[in-house]
C-alpha atoms as a PDB file:
ATOM      1  CA  MET A   1     -37.031   5.917  -7.141  1.00  0.00           C
ATOM      2  CA  PHE A   2     -35.284   9.191  -6.399  1.00  0.00           C
ATOM      3  CA  ALA A   3     -34.811   8.180  -2.761  1.00  0.00           C
ATOM      4  CA  ARG A   4     -33.263   4.885  -3.867  1.00  0.00           C
ATOM      5  CA  LEU A   5     -30.825   6.663  -6.204  1.00  0.00           C
ATOM      6  CA  ALA A   6     -29.902   9.096  -3.452  1.00  0.00           C
ATOM      7  CA  TRP A   7     -29.238   6.156  -1.125  1.00  0.00           C
ATOM      8  CA  PHE A   8     -26.971   4.457  -3.668  1.00  0.00           C
ATOM      9  CA  GLY A   9     -25.162   7.779  -4.153  1.00  0.00           C
ATOM     10  CA  PHE A  10     -24.574   8.016  -0.423  1.00  0.00           C
ATOM     11  CA  ILE A  11     -23.221   4.447  -0.282  1.00  0.00           C
ATOM     12  CA  PHE A  12     -20.896   5.129  -3.219  1.00  0.00           C
ATOM     13  CA  ALA A  13     -19.551   8.331  -1.636  1.00  0.00           C
ATOM     14  CA  PHE A  14     -19.045   6.506   1.656  1.00  0.00           C
ATOM     15  CA  ALA A  15     -17.095   3.782  -0.142  1.00  0.00           C
ATOM     16  CA  LEU A  16     -14.865   6.419  -1.726  1.00  0.00           C
ATOM     17  CA  ASP A  17     -14.168   7.931   1.675  1.00  0.00           C
ATOM     18  CA  LEU A  18     -13.274   4.509   3.064  1.00  0.00           C
ATOM     19  CA  ALA A  19     -10.839   4.007   0.199  1.00  0.00           C
ATOM     20  CA  ALA A  20      -9.208   7.321   1.037  1.00  0.00           C
ATOM     21  CA  ALA A  21      -8.937   6.396   4.724  1.00  0.00           C
ATOM     22  CA  ARG A  22      -7.129   3.074   4.273  1.00  0.00           C
ATOM     23  CA  THR A  23      -4.315   2.055   6.593  1.00  0.00           C
ATOM     24  CA  PHE A  24      -0.750   3.105   5.791  1.00  0.00           C
ATOM     25  CA  ASP A  25       1.244   0.174   4.394  1.00  0.00           C
ATOM     26  CA  PHE A  26       5.050   0.449   4.471  1.00  0.00           C
ATOM     27  CA  VAL A  27       5.550  -1.825   1.449  1.00  0.00           C
ATOM     28  CA  ARG A  28       2.990   0.030  -0.636  1.00  0.00           C
ATOM     29  CA  ASP A  29       3.160   3.636   0.604  1.00  0.00           C
ATOM     30  CA  THR A  30       6.888   4.447   0.770  1.00  0.00           C
ATOM     31  CA  PHE A  31       9.612   5.233  -1.768  1.00  0.00           C
ATOM     32  CA  ALA A  32      11.688   2.434  -3.304  1.00  0.00           C
ATOM     33  CA  PHE A  33      14.750   4.699  -3.499  1.00  0.00           C
ATOM     34  CA  GLN A  34      16.397   6.187  -0.427  1.00  0.00           C
ATOM     35  CA  ASN A  35      18.028   9.335   0.810  1.00  0.00           C
ATOM     36  CA  ALA A  36      21.790   9.278   1.372  1.00  0.00           C
ATOM     37  CA  THR A  37      23.795  11.143   3.989  1.00  0.00           C
ATOM     38  CA  VAL A  38      26.557  13.451   2.736  1.00  0.00           C
ATOM     39  CA  LEU A  39      29.153  11.433   4.657  1.00  0.00           C
ATOM     40  CA  LYS A  40      29.213   7.667   4.998  1.00  0.00           C
ATOM     41  CA  TYR A  41      28.815   6.271   8.512  1.00  0.00           C
ATOM     42  CA  LYS A  42      29.845   3.174  10.402  1.00  0.00           C
ATOM     43  CA  ASN A  43      28.401   2.433  13.856  1.00  0.00           C
ATOM     44  CA  GLY A  44      27.020   5.955  13.985  1.00  0.00           C
ATOM     45  CA  ARG A  45      30.337   7.656  13.249  1.00  0.00           C
ATOM     46  CA  PRO A  46      31.299   9.430  10.010  1.00  0.00           C
ATOM     47  CA  THR A  47      33.944   7.866   7.820  1.00  0.00           C
ATOM     48  CA  LEU A  48      35.855   9.056   4.757  1.00  0.00           C
ATOM     49  CA  LYS A  49      35.372   5.698   3.047  1.00  0.00           C
ATOM     50  CA  LEU A  50      33.301   5.672  -0.119  1.00  0.00           C
ATOM     51  CA  ASN A  51      31.248   2.757   1.219  1.00  0.00           C
ATOM     52  CA  SER A  52      30.643   1.898   4.856  1.00  0.00           C
ATOM     53  CA  ALA A  53      29.050  -1.452   3.922  1.00  0.00           C
ATOM     54  CA  PRO A  54      29.171  -3.647   0.789  1.00  0.00           C
ATOM     55  CA  ASN A  55      25.517  -2.920  -0.066  1.00  0.00           C
ATOM     56  CA  ASP A  56      25.706   0.848   0.452  1.00  0.00           C
ATOM     57  CA  PRO A  57      23.927   2.883  -2.228  1.00  0.00           C
ATOM     58  CA  PRO A  58      25.881   5.672  -3.936  1.00  0.00           C
ATOM     59  CA  ASN A  59      25.456   9.165  -2.497  1.00  0.00           C
ATOM     60  CA  ASP A  60      23.629  10.464  -5.566  1.00  0.00           C
ATOM     61  CA  TYR A  61      20.453  11.645  -3.790  1.00  0.00           C
ATOM     62  CA  GLN A  62      21.261  13.547  -0.600  1.00  0.00           C
ATOM     63  CA  ARG A  63      19.849  15.947   2.027  1.00  0.00           C
ATOM     64  CA  SER A  64      16.253  14.969   1.235  1.00  0.00           C
ATOM     65  CA  CYS A  65      14.922  13.340   4.411  1.00  0.00           C
ATOM     66  CA  PHE A  66      12.497  16.210   5.099  1.00  0.00           C
ATOM     67  CA  VAL A  67      11.331  16.327   1.483  1.00  0.00           C
ATOM     68  CA  MET A  68      10.799  12.571   1.287  1.00  0.00           C
ATOM     69  CA  SER A  69       8.965  12.374   4.628  1.00  0.00           C
ATOM     70  CA  ARG A  70       6.684  15.256   3.653  1.00  0.00           C
ATOM     71  CA  THR A  71       6.020  13.968   0.125  1.00  0.00           C
ATOM     72  CA  ASP A  72       5.343  10.461   1.365  1.00  0.00           C
ATOM     73  CA  MET A  73       2.595  11.873   3.571  1.00  0.00           C
ATOM     74  CA  GLN A  74       1.231  13.947   0.669  1.00  0.00           C
ATOM     75  CA  PHE A  75       1.039  10.940  -1.638  1.00  0.00           C
ATOM     76  CA  TYR A  76      -0.745   8.944   1.047  1.00  0.00           C
ATOM     77  CA  LYS A  77      -3.323  11.693   1.558  1.00  0.00           C
ATOM     78  CA  PHE A  78      -3.748  13.241  -1.897  1.00  0.00           C
ATOM     79  CA  ALA A  79      -2.808  10.683  -4.601  1.00  0.00           C
ATOM     80  CA  LYS A  80      -4.347   7.531  -6.030  1.00  0.00           C
ATOM     81  CA  PHE A  81      -3.015   4.858  -8.388  1.00  0.00           C
ATOM     82  CA  GLU A  82      -4.681   3.199 -11.380  1.00  0.00           C
ATOM     83  CA  PRO A  83      -2.576   0.194 -12.423  1.00  0.00           C
ATOM     84  CA  LYS A  84      -4.772  -0.841 -15.365  1.00  0.00           C
ATOM     85  CA  ALA A  85      -4.441   2.504 -17.177  1.00  0.00           C
ATOM     86  CA  PRO A  86      -1.447   3.367 -19.409  1.00  0.00           C
ATOM     87  CA  ALA A  87       1.457   5.133 -17.674  1.00  0.00           C
ATOM     88  CA  LEU A  88       2.120   8.833 -18.269  1.00  0.00           C
ATOM     89  CA  ASN A  89       5.043  10.280 -20.156  1.00  0.00           C
ATOM     90  CA  ASP A  90       7.771  12.049 -18.162  1.00  0.00           C
ATOM     91  CA  THR A  91       6.336  15.558 -18.650  1.00  0.00           C
ATOM     92  CA  GLU A  92       2.820  14.697 -17.530  1.00  0.00           C
ATOM     93  CA  LEU A  93       4.097  12.563 -14.655  1.00  0.00           C
ATOM     94  CA  ALA A  94       6.256  15.449 -13.417  1.00  0.00           C
ATOM     95  CA  THR A  95       3.244  17.793 -13.573  1.00  0.00           C
ATOM     96  CA  ARG A  96       1.113  15.469 -11.457  1.00  0.00           C
ATOM     97  CA  ILE A  97       3.890  14.909  -8.912  1.00  0.00           C
ATOM     98  CA  ARG A  98       4.144  18.676  -8.455  1.00  0.00           C
ATOM     99  CA  LEU A  99       0.358  18.877  -8.036  1.00  0.00           C
ATOM    100  CA  VAL A 100       0.562  16.461  -5.105  1.00  0.00           C
ATOM    101  CA  ALA A 101       3.527  18.324  -3.591  1.00  0.00           C
ATOM    102  CA  ARG A 102       1.568  21.610  -3.661  1.00  0.00           C
ATOM    103  CA  HIS A 103      -1.080  20.293  -1.267  1.00  0.00           C
ATOM    104  CA  ALA A 104      -0.402  21.467   2.276  1.00  0.00           C
ATOM    105  CA  PRO A 105       0.578  18.252   4.109  1.00  0.00           C
ATOM    106  CA  TRP A 106      -1.402  19.176   7.228  1.00  0.00           C
ATOM    107  CA  TYR A 107      -4.695  19.232   5.281  1.00  0.00           C
ATOM    108  CA  PRO A 108      -7.116  16.293   5.742  1.00  0.00           C
ATOM    109  CA  ALA A 109      -6.864  13.396   3.295  1.00  0.00           C
ATOM    110  CA  LEU A 110      -8.946  13.789   0.138  1.00  0.00           C
ATOM    111  CA  PRO A 111     -11.651  11.352  -0.972  1.00  0.00           C
ATOM    112  CA  ALA A 112     -10.647   9.141  -3.889  1.00  0.00           C
ATOM    113  CA  ASN A 113     -12.585  11.112  -6.497  1.00  0.00           C
ATOM    114  CA  GLN A 114     -10.624  14.305  -5.681  1.00  0.00           C
ATOM    115  CA  ARG A 115      -7.125  12.826  -5.595  1.00  0.00           C
ATOM    116  CA  VAL A 116      -4.389  13.265  -8.184  1.00  0.00           C
ATOM    117  CA  SER A 117      -4.378  10.145 -10.343  1.00  0.00           C
ATOM    118  CA  PHE A 118      -1.243   8.175 -11.305  1.00  0.00           C
ATOM    119  CA  PRO A 119      -2.059   5.588 -13.983  1.00  0.00           C
ATOM    120  CA  GLY A 120       0.145   2.637 -14.800  1.00  0.00           C
ATOM    121  CA  TYR A 121       1.238   1.741 -11.261  1.00  0.00           C
ATOM    122  CA  SER A 122      -0.282  -0.002  -8.253  1.00  0.00           C
ATOM    123  CA  ASP A 123       1.304   2.169  -5.563  1.00  0.00           C
ATOM    124  CA  LEU A 124       4.035   4.671  -4.717  1.00  0.00           C
ATOM    125  CA  ARG A 125       6.738   2.066  -4.226  1.00  0.00           C
ATOM    126  CA  GLU A 126       6.170   0.541  -7.647  1.00  0.00           C
ATOM    127  CA  MET A 127       6.164   3.944  -9.334  1.00  0.00           C
ATOM    128  CA  SER A 128       9.238   5.190  -7.473  1.00  0.00           C
ATOM    129  CA  LYS A 129      11.127   2.038  -8.418  1.00  0.00           C
ATOM    130  CA  ALA A 130      10.267   2.472 -12.091  1.00  0.00           C
ATOM    131  CA  ARG A 131      10.600   6.299 -12.316  1.00  0.00           C
ATOM    132  CA  PRO A 132      12.891   7.439  -9.472  1.00  0.00           C
ATOM    133  CA  LYS A 133      14.525  10.377 -11.258  1.00  0.00           C
ATOM    134  CA  ILE A 134      11.203  11.994 -12.191  1.00  0.00           C
ATOM    135  CA  LEU A 135      10.125  11.888  -8.553  1.00  0.00           C
ATOM    136  CA  GLN A 136      13.452  13.103  -7.205  1.00  0.00           C
ATOM    137  CA  GLN A 137      13.464  16.056  -9.599  1.00  0.00           C
ATOM    138  CA  ASN A 138       9.920  17.199  -8.780  1.00  0.00           C
ATOM    139  CA  ILE A 139       9.187  16.697  -5.086  1.00  0.00           C
ATOM    140  CA  GLY A 140      11.220  19.723  -3.963  1.00  0.00           C
ATOM    141  CA  SER A 141      14.658  20.865  -2.900  1.00  0.00           C
ATOM    142  CA  GLY A 142      16.297  19.094  -0.008  1.00  0.00           C
ATOM    143  CA  PHE A 143      18.715  21.973   0.502  1.00  0.00           C
ATOM    144  CA  ALA A 144      15.849  24.433   1.088  1.00  0.00           C
ATOM    145  CA  THR A 145      14.618  22.439   4.093  1.00  0.00           C
ATOM    146  CA  PHE A 146      17.697  23.515   6.074  1.00  0.00           C
ATOM    147  CA  PHE A 147      16.093  26.979   6.290  1.00  0.00           C
ATOM    148  CA  ARG A 148      12.663  25.912   7.544  1.00  0.00           C
ATOM    149  CA  LEU A 149      11.494  28.130  10.418  1.00  0.00           C
ATOM    150  CA  GLY A 150      10.337  25.134  12.444  1.00  0.00           C
ATOM    151  CA  ASN A 151      13.875  23.755  12.555  1.00  0.00           C
ATOM    152  CA  TYR A 152      15.004  26.500  14.917  1.00  0.00           C
ATOM    153  CA  ARG A 153      13.191  24.839  17.816  1.00  0.00           C
ATOM    154  CA  MET A 154      16.235  22.585  18.108  1.00  0.00           C
ATOM    155  CA  PHE A 155      18.148  25.539  19.621  1.00  0.00           C
ATOM    156  CA  TYR A 156      15.768  26.404  22.462  1.00  0.00           C
ATOM    157  CA  GLN A 157      12.996  23.794  22.972  1.00  0.00           C
ATOM    158  CA  HIS A 158      14.811  21.244  25.121  1.00  0.00           C
ATOM    159  CA  SER A 159      12.421  20.752  28.040  1.00  0.00           C
ATOM    160  CA  ARG A 160      10.809  17.454  28.959  1.00  0.00           C
ATOM    161  CA  LYS A 161       7.496  19.280  29.149  1.00  0.00           C
ATOM    162  CA  TYR A 162       7.807  20.164  25.475  1.00  0.00           C
ATOM    163  CA  GLN A 163       8.569  16.533  24.636  1.00  0.00           C
ATOM    164  CA  GLU A 164       5.472  15.448  26.592  1.00  0.00           C
ATOM    165  CA  LYS A 165       3.412  17.854  24.478  1.00  0.00           C
ATOM    166  CA  THR A 166       4.988  16.475  21.292  1.00  0.00           C
ATOM    167  CA  HIS A 167       4.233  12.924  22.433  1.00  0.00           C
ATOM    168  CA  ALA A 168       0.583  13.887  23.018  1.00  0.00           C
ATOM    169  CA  ASN A 169       0.404  15.450  19.545  1.00  0.00           C
ATOM    170  CA  LEU A 170       1.896  12.292  18.046  1.00  0.00           C
ATOM    171  CA  ASP A 171      -0.696  10.067  19.711  1.00  0.00           C
ATOM    172  CA  ALA A 172      -3.494  12.439  18.684  1.00  0.00           C
ATOM    173  CA  ALA A 173      -2.380  12.384  15.027  1.00  0.00           C
ATOM    174  CA  LEU A 174      -2.261   8.582  14.907  1.00  0.00           C
ATOM    175  CA  ALA A 175      -5.619   8.315  16.731  1.00  0.00           C
ATOM    176  CA  ARG A 176      -7.310  10.260  13.923  1.00  0.00           C
ATOM    177  CA  ASP A 177      -5.600   8.072  11.278  1.00  0.00           C
ATOM    178  CA  ASP A 178      -3.179  10.825  10.316  1.00  0.00           C
ATOM    179  CA  LEU A 179       0.614  10.680   9.917  1.00  0.00           C
ATOM    180  CA  PHE A 180       3.317  12.540  11.849  1.00  0.00           C
ATOM    181  CA  VAL A 181       6.565  13.898  10.393  1.00  0.00           C
ATOM    182  CA  ALA A 182       9.122  13.857  13.214  1.00  0.00           C
ATOM    183  CA  TYR A 183      12.241  15.990  13.147  1.00  0.00           C
ATOM    184  CA  LEU A 184      14.863  14.107  15.198  1.00  0.00           C
ATOM    185  CA  SER A 185      17.685  16.079  16.789  1.00  0.00           C
ATOM    186  CA  THR A 186      20.437  15.494  19.323  1.00  0.00           C
ATOM    187  CA  PHE A 187      21.580  19.151  19.350  1.00  0.00           C
ATOM    188  CA  PRO A 188      23.969  20.438  20.729  1.00  0.00           C
ATOM    189  CA  ARG A 189      25.521  17.108  19.792  1.00  0.00           C
ATOM    190  CA  LEU A 190      25.607  16.657  16.033  1.00  0.00           C
ATOM    191  CA  THR A 191      25.028  12.909  15.910  1.00  0.00           C
ATOM    192  CA  LEU A 192      21.557  13.153  14.373  1.00  0.00           C
ATOM    193  CA  ASN A 193      19.705  15.818  12.384  1.00  0.00           C
ATOM    194  CA  HIS A 194      17.013  13.948  10.506  1.00  0.00           C
ATOM    195  CA  ALA A 195      13.324  13.671   9.542  1.00  0.00           C
ATOM    196  CA  VAL A 196      11.181  10.531   9.514  1.00  0.00           C
ATOM    197  CA  LEU A 197       7.494   9.689   9.110  1.00  0.00           C
ATOM    198  CA  VAL A 198       5.736   8.021  12.068  1.00  0.00           C
ATOM    199  CA  PHE A 199       2.816   5.936  10.819  1.00  0.00           C
ATOM    200  CA  ALA A 200       1.728   3.502  13.554  1.00  0.00           C
ATOM    201  CA  HIS A 201       1.624   2.918  17.308  1.00  0.00           C
ATOM    202  CA  ARG A 202       2.939  -0.595  17.833  1.00  0.00           C
ATOM    203  CA  GLN A 203       1.546  -2.806  20.575  1.00  0.00           C
ATOM    204  CA  ASN A 204       4.196  -3.417  23.229  1.00  0.00           C
ATOM    205  CA  ARG A 205       4.782  -7.096  23.935  1.00  0.00           C
ATOM    206  CA  THR A 206       8.228  -6.729  25.495  1.00  0.00           C
ATOM    207  CA  GLY A 207       7.171  -5.423  28.898  1.00  0.00           C
ATOM    208  CA  ASP A 208       9.902  -2.769  28.822  1.00  0.00           C
ATOM    209  CA  GLY A 209       7.591   0.061  29.868  1.00  0.00           C
ATOM    210  CA  LEU A 210       8.138   1.921  26.591  1.00  0.00           C
ATOM    211  CA  GLU A 211       5.702   3.007  23.893  1.00  0.00           C
ATOM    212  CA  HIS A 212       6.802   1.783  20.463  1.00  0.00           C
ATOM    213  CA  TYR A 213       6.143   3.521  17.144  1.00  0.00           C
ATOM    214  CA  LEU A 214       6.757   2.352  13.569  1.00  0.00           C
ATOM    215  CA  VAL A 215       8.631   4.806  11.391  1.00  0.00           C
ATOM    216  CA  TYR A 216       9.351   5.252   7.698  1.00  0.00           C
ATOM    217  CA  ASP A 217      12.961   6.469   7.543  1.00  0.00           C
ATOM    218  CA  PRO A 218      13.941   7.864   4.109  1.00  0.00           C
ATOM    219  CA  ASN A 219      17.488   6.557   4.700  1.00  0.00           C
ATOM    220  CA  HIS A 220      16.164   2.992   4.967  1.00  0.00           C
ATOM    221  CA  ALA A 221      13.864   1.829   2.177  1.00  0.00           C
ATOM    222  CA  GLU A 222      14.085  -1.819   3.196  1.00  0.00           C
ATOM    223  CA  ALA A 223      11.974  -1.922   6.384  1.00  0.00           C
ATOM    224  CA  PRO A 224      10.313   0.238   9.076  1.00  0.00           C
ATOM    225  CA  ARG A 225      12.437   1.653  11.887  1.00  0.00           C
ATOM    226  CA  GLN A 226      11.407   2.150  15.511  1.00  0.00           C
ATOM    227  CA  LEU A 227      10.932   5.202  17.705  1.00  0.00           C
ATOM    228  CA  THR A 228      10.172   4.764  21.403  1.00  0.00           C
ATOM    229  CA  TRP A 229       8.763   6.968  24.164  1.00  0.00           C
ATOM    230  CA  SER A 230       9.653   6.477  27.818  1.00  0.00           C
ATOM    231  CA  PRO A 231       6.893   7.756  30.162  1.00  0.00           C
ATOM    232  CA  ARG A 232       9.321   7.474  33.076  1.00  0.00           C
ATOM    233  CA  ASP A 233      12.056   9.593  31.467  1.00  0.00           C
ATOM    234  CA  ARG A 234       9.635  11.697  29.387  1.00  0.00           C
ATOM    235  CA  ALA A 235      11.964  11.226  26.443  1.00  0.00           C
ATOM    236  CA  PHE A 236      12.124   9.680  22.978  1.00  0.00           C
ATOM    237  CA  ALA A 237      14.775   7.298  21.665  1.00  0.00           C
ATOM    238  CA  TYR A 238      15.536   6.152  18.116  1.00  0.00           C
ATOM    239  CA  GLN A 239      16.740   2.827  16.818  1.00  0.00           C
ATOM    240  CA  LYS A 240      20.447   2.233  16.322  1.00  0.00           C
ATOM    241  CA  ASP A 241      21.666   1.766  12.763  1.00  0.00           C
ATOM    242  CA  ILE A 242      24.736   2.326  10.635  1.00  0.00           C
ATOM    243  CA  ASP A 243      24.357   6.133  10.589  1.00  0.00           C
ATOM    244  CA  PHE A 244      23.119   6.692  14.177  1.00  0.00           C
ATOM    245  CA  GLU A 245      24.487   5.352  17.436  1.00  0.00           C
ATOM    246  CA  GLY A 246      20.974   4.910  18.795  1.00  0.00           C
ATOM    247  CA  GLY A 247      19.324   6.216  21.939  1.00  0.00           C
ATOM    248  CA  PHE A 248      18.049   9.594  23.086  1.00  0.00           C
ATOM    249  CA  VAL A 249      16.637  12.066  20.559  1.00  0.00           C
ATOM    250  CA  ARG A 250      14.447  15.127  20.783  1.00  0.00           C
ATOM    251  CA  VAL A 251      11.388  15.061  18.544  1.00  0.00           C
ATOM    252  CA  TYR A 252       9.796  18.108  16.912  1.00  0.00           C
ATOM    253  CA  GLN A 253       6.668  17.804  14.799  1.00  0.00           C
ATOM    254  CA  SER A 254       7.046  19.117  11.243  1.00  0.00           C
ATOM    255  CA  TYR A 255       4.346  19.871   8.671  1.00  0.00           C
ATOM    256  CA  GLY A 256       1.588  19.580  11.273  1.00  0.00           C
ATOM    257  CA  LYS A 257       0.574  23.172  10.554  1.00  0.00           C
ATOM    258  CA  TRP A 258       1.747  26.256   8.665  1.00  0.00           C
ATOM    259  CA  LEU A 259       5.385  27.304   9.361  1.00  0.00           C
ATOM    260  CA  GLN A 260       6.005  24.245  11.542  1.00  0.00           C
END
């Protein structure tokens, strides 16, 4: 009898671990609100216009691409949702958000029974659509990320060899079902200074010789973006959009370890 109970306990624990190791889903596991750039852009160039497109969101939540990329990874690894339970009040919700944000993002994902629970919602997107201000006020300061020590690599790590190493680290993270926060820079040009979350290696059906990756970009809540790696050029490139002209970027891993 004891052996049978122990076996059922093992199966239950294994099921919990499987639940914690589920696949990242863009629709379910990203924020419904988005980060805004300080300036508005059109075709990758800054403009003084209040809106660069008719559907532009207001610039009321800015400079938070690092914070949102990091927190998105933390929610994926350390939080769980219980839609059938009553939702928390603002104070308790803020406390639990801060608990998630205190977990070091490079730590392994927790099993379901050790995660911070968020009742009343099915997933992060649903909760962030219903309670955006509580999340924005408690996931951390966007301004503070400008002073991260890891950011200074943009000034001196420009070699293709370093990008090859970063590419290998990216593939290794995805191979172990982890996520990868990528700091994108075009320094000394100032066309892009941004952080995104790489969550999947996409099968290449185009025959272009590139490796394709799916990216959660905090500036674009509507759909995944695309990062590519060229083995021939040993270089990354990022998708063109309204606030970036597209093309070559350097990639630096962030939050993969302490002080990174």
